[in-house]
Amino acid sequence: MADRTQRRDYLTFLTTLLKNYRGVRRAIGIATEAGMAHGRSYDFVHVEGEPISNSEVQALGLKVFGGDGGRLMDKSNLDIAERPKFFPS
């Protein structure tokens, strides 16, 4: 994602999903541009609040993060066509 706003919004979505999937009150997400070039940008998000837990969150969390939460993210498990209505868009 070349557009920084889009990258930050997607990071917020993924961090919110992980927070709710794991049932925790707080989560942070950090993203950076690939490579070693000077002037790279970093994005940081902090999400806080009561977790939302339902079958939609659990199914999407399992698809993206895996059962143990240790799945590496790649294009195959980040291809999410529709975001649940209660997540940031």
PDB file of N, CA and C in Angstrom:
ATOM      1  N   MET A   1       0.834  -1.181   0.000  1.00  0.00           N
ATOM      2  CA  MET A   1       0.000   0.000   0.000  1.00  0.00           C
ATOM      3  C   MET A   1       0.877   1.242   0.000  1.00  0.00           C
ATOM      4  N   ALA A   2       0.870   1.921  -1.079  1.00  0.00           N
ATOM      5  CA  ALA A   2       1.726   3.096  -1.215  1.00  0.00           C
ATOM      6  C   ALA A   2       1.160   4.295  -0.482  1.00  0.00           C
ATOM      7  N   ASP A   3      -0.130   4.424  -0.432  1.00  0.00           N
ATOM      8  CA  ASP A   3      -0.747   5.583   0.195  1.00  0.00           C
ATOM      9  C   ASP A   3      -0.677   5.455   1.719  1.00  0.00           C
ATOM     10  N   ARG A   4      -0.064   6.430   2.346  1.00  0.00           N
ATOM     11  CA  ARG A   4       0.164   6.349   3.794  1.00  0.00           C
ATOM     12  C   ARG A   4      -1.135   6.343   4.597  1.00  0.00           C
ATOM     13  N   THR A   5      -2.098   7.133   4.202  1.00  0.00           N
ATOM     14  CA  THR A   5      -3.387   7.145   4.911  1.00  0.00           C
ATOM     15  C   THR A   5      -4.054   5.784   4.826  1.00  0.00           C
ATOM     16  N   GLN A   6      -4.006   5.198   3.653  1.00  0.00           N
ATOM     17  CA  GLN A   6      -4.587   3.869   3.469  1.00  0.00           C
ATOM     18  C   GLN A   6      -3.845   2.836   4.322  1.00  0.00           C
ATOM     19  N   ARG A   7      -2.529   2.937   4.379  1.00  0.00           N
ATOM     20  CA  ARG A   7      -1.734   2.011   5.198  1.00  0.00           C
ATOM     21  C   ARG A   7      -2.091   2.159   6.677  1.00  0.00           C
ATOM     22  N   ARG A   8      -2.221   3.390   7.149  1.00  0.00           N
ATOM     23  CA  ARG A   8      -2.561   3.627   8.548  1.00  0.00           C
ATOM     24  C   ARG A   8      -3.962   3.116   8.867  1.00  0.00           C
ATOM     25  N   ASP A   9      -4.908   3.339   7.966  1.00  0.00           N
ATOM     26  CA  ASP A   9      -6.271   2.854   8.180  1.00  0.00           C
ATOM     27  C   ASP A   9      -6.313   1.325   8.239  1.00  0.00           C
ATOM     28  N   TYR A  10      -5.550   0.683   7.360  1.00  0.00           N
ATOM     29  CA  TYR A  10      -5.512  -0.779   7.344  1.00  0.00           C
ATOM     30  C   TYR A  10      -4.825  -1.312   8.605  1.00  0.00           C
ATOM     31  N   LEU A  11      -3.798  -0.616   9.056  1.00  0.00           N
ATOM     32  CA  LEU A  11      -3.127  -0.990  10.302  1.00  0.00           C
ATOM     33  C   LEU A  11      -4.098  -0.878  11.475  1.00  0.00           C
ATOM     34  N   THR A  12      -4.893   0.170  11.494  1.00  0.00           N
ATOM     35  CA  THR A  12      -5.903   0.337  12.549  1.00  0.00           C
ATOM     36  C   THR A  12      -6.911  -0.805  12.508  1.00  0.00           C
ATOM     37  N   PHE A  13      -7.341  -1.167  11.317  1.00  0.00           N
ATOM     38  CA  PHE A  13      -8.279  -2.272  11.165  1.00  0.00           C
ATOM     39  C   PHE A  13      -7.685  -3.574  11.696  1.00  0.00           C
ATOM     40  N   LEU A  14      -6.455  -3.895  11.261  1.00  0.00           N
ATOM     41  CA  LEU A  14      -5.829  -5.149  11.695  1.00  0.00           C
ATOM     42  C   LEU A  14      -5.569  -5.170  13.196  1.00  0.00           C
ATOM     43  N   THR A  15      -5.159  -4.043  13.759  1.00  0.00           N
ATOM     44  CA  THR A  15      -4.899  -3.967  15.200  1.00  0.00           C
ATOM     45  C   THR A  15      -6.195  -4.125  15.984  1.00  0.00           C
ATOM     46  N   THR A  16      -7.270  -3.522  15.492  1.00  0.00           N
ATOM     47  CA  THR A  16      -8.581  -3.658  16.138  1.00  0.00           C
ATOM     48  C   THR A  16      -9.065  -5.102  16.060  1.00  0.00           C
ATOM     49  N   LEU A  17      -8.883  -5.720  14.906  1.00  0.00           N
ATOM     50  CA  LEU A  17      -9.271  -7.123  14.756  1.00  0.00           C
ATOM     51  C   LEU A  17      -8.499  -7.998  15.735  1.00  0.00           C
ATOM     52  N   LEU A  18      -7.194  -7.808  15.815  1.00  0.00           N
ATOM     53  CA  LEU A  18      -6.388  -8.619  16.722  1.00  0.00           C
ATOM     54  C   LEU A  18      -6.790  -8.400  18.185  1.00  0.00           C
ATOM     55  N   LYS A  19      -7.037  -7.153  18.555  1.00  0.00           N
ATOM     56  CA  LYS A  19      -7.461  -6.839  19.927  1.00  0.00           C
ATOM     57  C   LYS A  19      -8.744  -7.590  20.265  1.00  0.00           C
ATOM     58  N   ASN A  20      -9.707  -7.535  19.360  1.00  0.00           N
ATOM     59  CA  ASN A  20     -10.974  -8.215  19.611  1.00  0.00           C
ATOM     60  C   ASN A  20     -10.837  -9.731  19.539  1.00  0.00           C
ATOM     61  N   TYR A  21     -10.052 -10.230  18.611  1.00  0.00           N
ATOM     62  CA  TYR A  21      -9.846 -11.675  18.463  1.00  0.00           C
ATOM     63  C   TYR A  21      -9.185 -12.264  19.705  1.00  0.00           C
ATOM     64  N   ARG A  22      -8.234 -11.569  20.254  1.00  0.00           N
ATOM     65  CA  ARG A  22      -7.527 -12.045  21.448  1.00  0.00           C
ATOM     66  C   ARG A  22      -8.228 -11.668  22.754  1.00  0.00           C
ATOM     67  N   GLY A  23      -9.245 -10.813  22.682  1.00  0.00           N
ATOM     68  CA  GLY A  23     -10.025 -10.471  23.867  1.00  0.00           C
ATOM     69  C   GLY A  23      -9.280  -9.596  24.864  1.00  0.00           C
ATOM     70  N   VAL A  24      -8.457  -8.699  24.377  1.00  0.00           N
ATOM     71  CA  VAL A  24      -7.715  -7.798  25.260  1.00  0.00           C
ATOM     72  C   VAL A  24      -8.253  -6.379  25.135  1.00  0.00           C
ATOM     73  N   ARG A  25      -7.964  -5.556  26.141  1.00  0.00           N
ATOM     74  CA  ARG A  25      -8.457  -4.169  26.143  1.00  0.00           C
ATOM     75  C   ARG A  25      -7.572  -3.209  25.351  1.00  0.00           C
ATOM     76  N   ARG A  26      -6.309  -3.517  25.191  1.00  0.00           N
ATOM     77  CA  ARG A  26      -5.388  -2.605  24.504  1.00  0.00           C
ATOM     78  C   ARG A  26      -4.525  -3.378  23.518  1.00  0.00           C
ATOM     79  N   ALA A  27      -4.227  -2.718  22.397  1.00  0.00           N
ATOM     80  CA  ALA A  27      -3.311  -3.304  21.407  1.00  0.00           C
ATOM     81  C   ALA A  27      -2.607  -2.171  20.666  1.00  0.00           C
ATOM     82  N   ILE A  28      -1.388  -2.448  20.229  1.00  0.00           N
ATOM     83  CA  ILE A  28      -0.665  -1.481  19.410  1.00  0.00           C
ATOM     84  C   ILE A  28      -0.289  -2.141  18.092  1.00  0.00           C
ATOM     85  N   GLY A  29      -0.195  -1.322  17.068  1.00  0.00           N
ATOM     86  CA  GLY A  29       0.234  -1.788  15.758  1.00  0.00           C
ATOM     87  C   GLY A  29       1.293  -0.846  15.220  1.00  0.00           C
ATOM     88  N   ILE A  30       2.312  -1.408  14.585  1.00  0.00           N
ATOM     89  CA  ILE A  30       3.392  -0.619  14.011  1.00  0.00           C
ATOM     90  C   ILE A  30       3.631  -1.110  12.590  1.00  0.00           C
ATOM     91  N   ALA A  31       3.751  -0.171  11.662  1.00  0.00           N
ATOM     92  CA  ALA A  31       4.049  -0.515  10.265  1.00  0.00           C
ATOM     93  C   ALA A  31       5.120   0.432   9.744  1.00  0.00           C
ATOM     94  N   THR A  32       5.896  -0.062   8.813  1.00  0.00           N
ATOM     95  CA  THR A  32       6.923   0.755   8.169  1.00  0.00           C
ATOM     96  C   THR A  32       7.021   0.381   6.708  1.00  0.00           C
ATOM     97  N   GLU A  33       7.626   1.246   5.939  1.00  0.00           N
ATOM     98  CA  GLU A  33       7.888   0.938   4.542  1.00  0.00           C
ATOM     99  C   GLU A  33       9.064  -0.023   4.472  1.00  0.00           C
ATOM    100  N   ALA A  34       9.028  -0.872   3.488  1.00  0.00           N
ATOM    101  CA  ALA A  34      10.114  -1.840   3.317  1.00  0.00           C
ATOM    102  C   ALA A  34      11.372  -1.150   2.792  1.00  0.00           C
ATOM    103  N   GLY A  35      12.497  -1.798   3.010  1.00  0.00           N
ATOM    104  CA  GLY A  35      13.753  -1.287   2.462  1.00  0.00           C
ATOM    105  C   GLY A  35      14.562  -0.517   3.485  1.00  0.00           C
ATOM    106  N   MET A  36      15.699  -0.054   3.033  1.00  0.00           N
ATOM    107  CA  MET A  36      16.623   0.646   3.933  1.00  0.00           C
ATOM    108  C   MET A  36      16.814   2.112   3.545  1.00  0.00           C
ATOM    109  N   ALA A  37      15.960   2.643   2.714  1.00  0.00           N
ATOM    110  CA  ALA A  37      16.114   4.023   2.241  1.00  0.00           C
ATOM    111  C   ALA A  37      15.926   5.025   3.375  1.00  0.00           C
ATOM    112  N   HIS A  38      16.642   6.130   3.273  1.00  0.00           N
ATOM    113  CA  HIS A  38      16.446   7.220   4.232  1.00  0.00           C
ATOM    114  C   HIS A  38      15.064   7.812   4.010  1.00  0.00           C
ATOM    115  N   GLY A  39      14.482   8.320   5.060  1.00  0.00           N
ATOM    116  CA  GLY A  39      13.167   8.936   4.948  1.00  0.00           C
ATOM    117  C   GLY A  39      12.002   7.974   4.997  1.00  0.00           C
ATOM    118  N   ARG A  40      12.264   6.739   5.416  1.00  0.00           N
ATOM    119  CA  ARG A  40      11.156   5.795   5.572  1.00  0.00           C
ATOM    120  C   ARG A  40      10.176   6.342   6.591  1.00  0.00           C
ATOM    121  N   SER A  41       8.916   6.025   6.406  1.00  0.00           N
ATOM    122  CA  SER A  41       7.916   6.453   7.382  1.00  0.00           C
ATOM    123  C   SER A  41       7.480   5.274   8.239  1.00  0.00           C
ATOM    124  N   TYR A  42       7.095   5.577   9.452  1.00  0.00           N
ATOM    125  CA  TYR A  42       6.573   4.585  10.389  1.00  0.00           C
ATOM    126  C   TYR A  42       5.181   5.029  10.802  1.00  0.00           C
ATOM    127  N   ASP A  43       4.291   4.087  10.975  1.00  0.00           N
ATOM    128  CA  ASP A  43       2.961   4.372  11.492  1.00  0.00           C
ATOM    129  C   ASP A  43       2.750   3.562  12.756  1.00  0.00           C
ATOM    130  N   PHE A  44       2.118   4.181  13.727  1.00  0.00           N
ATOM    131  CA  PHE A  44       1.858   3.566  15.025  1.00  0.00           C
ATOM    132  C   PHE A  44       0.405   3.827  15.369  1.00  0.00           C
ATOM    133  N   VAL A  45      -0.318   2.800  15.800  1.00  0.00           N
ATOM    134  CA  VAL A  45      -1.693   2.979  16.270  1.00  0.00           C
ATOM    135  C   VAL A  45      -1.850   2.315  17.632  1.00  0.00           C
ATOM    136  N   HIS A  46      -2.686   2.904  18.440  1.00  0.00           N
ATOM    137  CA  HIS A  46      -3.034   2.370  19.756  1.00  0.00           C
ATOM    138  C   HIS A  46      -4.547   2.263  19.792  1.00  0.00           C
ATOM    139  N   VAL A  47      -5.050   1.061  20.064  1.00  0.00           N
ATOM    140  CA  VAL A  47      -6.492   0.815  20.116  1.00  0.00           C
ATOM    141  C   VAL A  47      -6.821   0.358  21.524  1.00  0.00           C
ATOM    142  N   GLU A  48      -7.839   0.980  22.105  1.00  0.00           N
ATOM    143  CA  GLU A  48      -8.208   0.646  23.481  1.00  0.00           C
ATOM    144  C   GLU A  48      -9.721   0.592  23.609  1.00  0.00           C
ATOM    145  N   GLY A  49     -10.210  -0.300  24.444  1.00  0.00           N
ATOM    146  CA  GLY A  49     -11.636  -0.425  24.706  1.00  0.00           C
ATOM    147  C   GLY A  49     -12.000  -1.862  24.996  1.00  0.00           C
ATOM    148  N   GLU A  50     -13.248  -2.046  25.399  1.00  0.00           N
ATOM    149  CA  GLU A  50     -13.730  -3.398  25.673  1.00  0.00           C
ATOM    150  C   GLU A  50     -13.714  -4.210  24.383  1.00  0.00           C
ATOM    151  N   PRO A  51     -13.218  -5.434  24.430  1.00  0.00           N
ATOM    152  CA  PRO A  51     -13.196  -6.253  23.216  1.00  0.00           C
ATOM    153  C   PRO A  51     -14.598  -6.674  22.785  1.00  0.00           C
ATOM    154  N   ILE A  52     -14.776  -6.766  21.496  1.00  0.00           N
ATOM    155  CA  ILE A  52     -16.013  -7.285  20.914  1.00  0.00           C
ATOM    156  C   ILE A  52     -15.734  -8.724  20.523  1.00  0.00           C
ATOM    157  N   SER A  53     -16.549  -9.647  20.972  1.00  0.00           N
ATOM    158  CA  SER A  53     -16.320 -11.040  20.614  1.00  0.00           C
ATOM    159  C   SER A  53     -17.612 -11.637  20.090  1.00  0.00           C
ATOM    160  N   ASN A  54     -17.562 -12.076  18.857  1.00  0.00           N
ATOM    161  CA  ASN A  54     -18.678 -12.801  18.270  1.00  0.00           C
ATOM    162  C   ASN A  54     -18.123 -13.733  17.198  1.00  0.00           C
ATOM    163  N   SER A  55     -18.975 -14.479  16.561  1.00  0.00           N
ATOM    164  CA  SER A  55     -18.501 -15.475  15.598  1.00  0.00           C
ATOM    165  C   SER A  55     -17.818 -14.831  14.396  1.00  0.00           C
ATOM    166  N   GLU A  56     -18.248 -13.644  13.992  1.00  0.00           N
ATOM    167  CA  GLU A  56     -17.630 -12.963  12.856  1.00  0.00           C
ATOM    168  C   GLU A  56     -16.191 -12.560  13.180  1.00  0.00           C
ATOM    169  N   VAL A  57     -15.972 -12.008  14.377  1.00  0.00           N
ATOM    170  CA  VAL A  57     -14.621 -11.631  14.810  1.00  0.00           C
ATOM    171  C   VAL A  57     -13.737 -12.866  14.902  1.00  0.00           C
ATOM    172  N   GLN A  58     -14.253 -13.925  15.493  1.00  0.00           N
ATOM    173  CA  GLN A  58     -13.452 -15.134  15.670  1.00  0.00           C
ATOM    174  C   GLN A  58     -13.092 -15.771  14.325  1.00  0.00           C
ATOM    175  N   ALA A  59     -14.022 -15.827  13.404  1.00  0.00           N
ATOM    176  CA  ALA A  59     -13.754 -16.440  12.095  1.00  0.00           C
ATOM    177  C   ALA A  59     -12.733 -15.621  11.304  1.00  0.00           C
ATOM    178  N   LEU A  60     -12.899 -14.305  11.297  1.00  0.00           N
ATOM    179  CA  LEU A  60     -11.964 -13.458  10.561  1.00  0.00           C
ATOM    180  C   LEU A  60     -10.594 -13.443  11.240  1.00  0.00           C
ATOM    181  N   GLY A  61     -10.564 -13.411  12.560  1.00  0.00           N
ATOM    182  CA  GLY A  61      -9.295 -13.460  13.290  1.00  0.00           C
ATOM    183  C   GLY A  61      -8.538 -14.753  13.027  1.00  0.00           C
ATOM    184  N   LEU A  62      -9.251 -15.864  12.991  1.00  0.00           N
ATOM    185  CA  LEU A  62      -8.629 -17.156  12.697  1.00  0.00           C
ATOM    186  C   LEU A  62      -8.046 -17.168  11.286  1.00  0.00           C
ATOM    187  N   LYS A  63      -8.787 -16.612  10.329  1.00  0.00           N
ATOM    188  CA  LYS A  63      -8.320 -16.565   8.946  1.00  0.00           C
ATOM    189  C   LYS A  63      -7.052 -15.724   8.814  1.00  0.00           C
ATOM    190  N   VAL A  64      -7.029 -14.580   9.475  1.00  0.00           N
ATOM    191  CA  VAL A  64      -5.909 -13.648   9.326  1.00  0.00           C
ATOM    192  C   VAL A  64      -4.716 -14.040  10.194  1.00  0.00           C
ATOM    193  N   PHE A  65      -4.959 -14.331  11.480  1.00  0.00           N
ATOM    194  CA  PHE A  65      -3.863 -14.520  12.428  1.00  0.00           C
ATOM    195  C   PHE A  65      -3.560 -15.978  12.752  1.00  0.00           C
ATOM    196  N   GLY A  66      -4.444 -16.901  12.410  1.00  0.00           N
ATOM    197  CA  GLY A  66      -4.234 -18.303  12.728  1.00  0.00           C
ATOM    198  C   GLY A  66      -4.672 -18.618  14.145  1.00  0.00           C
ATOM    199  N   GLY A  67      -4.758 -19.888  14.447  1.00  0.00           N
ATOM    200  CA  GLY A  67      -5.245 -20.327  15.746  1.00  0.00           C
ATOM    201  C   GLY A  67      -4.346 -19.954  16.910  1.00  0.00           C
ATOM    202  N   ASP A  68      -3.037 -19.932  16.686  1.00  0.00           N
ATOM    203  CA  ASP A  68      -2.123 -19.605  17.778  1.00  0.00           C
ATOM    204  C   ASP A  68      -1.669 -18.155  17.732  1.00  0.00           C
ATOM    205  N   GLY A  69      -2.151 -17.393  16.750  1.00  0.00           N
ATOM    206  CA  GLY A  69      -1.765 -15.988  16.628  1.00  0.00           C
ATOM    207  C   GLY A  69      -0.376 -15.789  16.067  1.00  0.00           C
ATOM    208  N   GLY A  70       0.308 -16.867  15.722  1.00  0.00           N
ATOM    209  CA  GLY A  70       1.676 -16.756  15.263  1.00  0.00           C
ATOM    210  C   GLY A  70       1.842 -16.839  13.756  1.00  0.00           C
ATOM    211  N   ARG A  71       0.746 -16.805  13.027  1.00  0.00           N
ATOM    212  CA  ARG A  71       0.825 -16.903  11.567  1.00  0.00           C
ATOM    213  C   ARG A  71       1.464 -15.638  11.001  1.00  0.00           C
ATOM    214  N   LEU A  72       2.398 -15.826  10.103  1.00  0.00           N
ATOM    215  CA  LEU A  72       2.987 -14.679   9.411  1.00  0.00           C
ATOM    216  C   LEU A  72       1.961 -14.106   8.454  1.00  0.00           C
ATOM    217  N   MET A  73       1.883 -12.799   8.407  1.00  0.00           N
ATOM    218  CA  MET A  73       0.937 -12.161   7.500  1.00  0.00           C
ATOM    219  C   MET A  73       1.549 -12.065   6.112  1.00  0.00           C
ATOM    220  N   ASP A  74       0.767 -12.482   5.137  1.00  0.00           N
ATOM    221  CA  ASP A  74       1.173 -12.292   3.752  1.00  0.00           C
ATOM    222  C   ASP A  74      -0.085 -11.996   2.939  1.00  0.00           C
ATOM    223  N   LYS A  75       0.083 -11.827   1.664  1.00  0.00           N
ATOM    224  CA  LYS A  75      -1.052 -11.426   0.835  1.00  0.00           C
ATOM    225  C   LYS A  75      -2.193 -12.431   0.861  1.00  0.00           C
ATOM    226  N   SER A  76      -1.899 -13.705   1.085  1.00  0.00           N
ATOM    227  CA  SER A  76      -2.961 -14.711   1.061  1.00  0.00           C
ATOM    228  C   SER A  76      -3.923 -14.579   2.231  1.00  0.00           C
ATOM    229  N   ASN A  77      -3.443 -14.199   3.406  1.00  0.00           N
ATOM    230  CA  ASN A  77      -4.365 -14.093   4.538  1.00  0.00           C
ATOM    231  C   ASN A  77      -4.725 -12.647   4.869  1.00  0.00           C
ATOM    232  N   LEU A  78      -4.268 -11.687   4.082  1.00  0.00           N
ATOM    233  CA  LEU A  78      -4.662 -10.294   4.283  1.00  0.00           C
ATOM    234  C   LEU A  78      -5.645  -9.829   3.230  1.00  0.00           C
ATOM    235  N   ASP A  79      -6.060 -10.720   2.353  1.00  0.00           N
ATOM    236  CA  ASP A  79      -6.996 -10.358   1.306  1.00  0.00           C
ATOM    237  C   ASP A  79      -8.418 -10.415   1.864  1.00  0.00           C
ATOM    238  N   ILE A  80      -8.792  -9.359   2.550  1.00  0.00           N
ATOM    239  CA  ILE A  80     -10.096  -9.301   3.212  1.00  0.00           C
ATOM    240  C   ILE A  80     -10.998  -8.387   2.390  1.00  0.00           C
ATOM    241  N   ALA A  81     -12.005  -8.973   1.765  1.00  0.00           N
ATOM    242  CA  ALA A  81     -12.863  -8.206   0.862  1.00  0.00           C
ATOM    243  C   ALA A  81     -13.780  -7.242   1.618  1.00  0.00           C
ATOM    244  N   GLU A  82     -14.386  -7.698   2.694  1.00  0.00           N
ATOM    245  CA  GLU A  82     -15.325  -6.861   3.431  1.00  0.00           C
ATOM    246  C   GLU A  82     -14.940  -6.795   4.886  1.00  0.00           C
ATOM    247  N   ARG A  83     -14.949  -5.574   5.415  1.00  0.00           N
ATOM    248  CA  ARG A  83     -14.671  -5.408   6.839  1.00  0.00           C
ATOM    249  C   ARG A  83     -15.976  -5.493   7.608  1.00  0.00           C
ATOM    250  N   PRO A  84     -15.960  -6.138   8.766  1.00  0.00           N
ATOM    251  CA  PRO A  84     -17.175  -6.150   9.585  1.00  0.00           C
ATOM    252  C   PRO A  84     -17.613  -4.735   9.900  1.00  0.00           C
ATOM    253  N   LYS A  85     -18.921  -4.523  10.022  1.00  0.00           N
ATOM    254  CA  LYS A  85     -19.456  -3.169  10.171  1.00  0.00           C
ATOM    255  C   LYS A  85     -18.984  -2.431  11.412  1.00  0.00           C
ATOM    256  N   PHE A  86     -18.527  -3.128  12.443  1.00  0.00           N
ATOM    257  CA  PHE A  86     -18.120  -2.457  13.662  1.00  0.00           C
ATOM    258  C   PHE A  86     -16.619  -2.130  13.693  1.00  0.00           C
ATOM    259  N   PHE A  87     -15.901  -2.357  12.602  1.00  0.00           N
ATOM    260  CA  PHE A  87     -14.500  -1.995  12.513  1.00  0.00           C
ATOM    261  C   PHE A  87     -14.335  -0.701  11.728  1.00  0.00           C
ATOM    262  N   PRO A  88     -13.252   0.024  11.988  1.00  0.00           N
ATOM    263  CA  PRO A  88     -13.020   1.239  11.207  1.00  0.00           C
ATOM    264  C   PRO A  88     -12.907   0.900   9.719  1.00  0.00           C
ATOM    265  N   SER A  89     -13.364   1.805   8.897  1.00  0.00           N
ATOM    266  CA  SER A  89     -13.263   1.576   7.449  1.00  0.00           C
ATOM    267  C   SER A  89     -12.333   2.591   6.820  1.00  0.00           C
TER     268      SER A  89
END
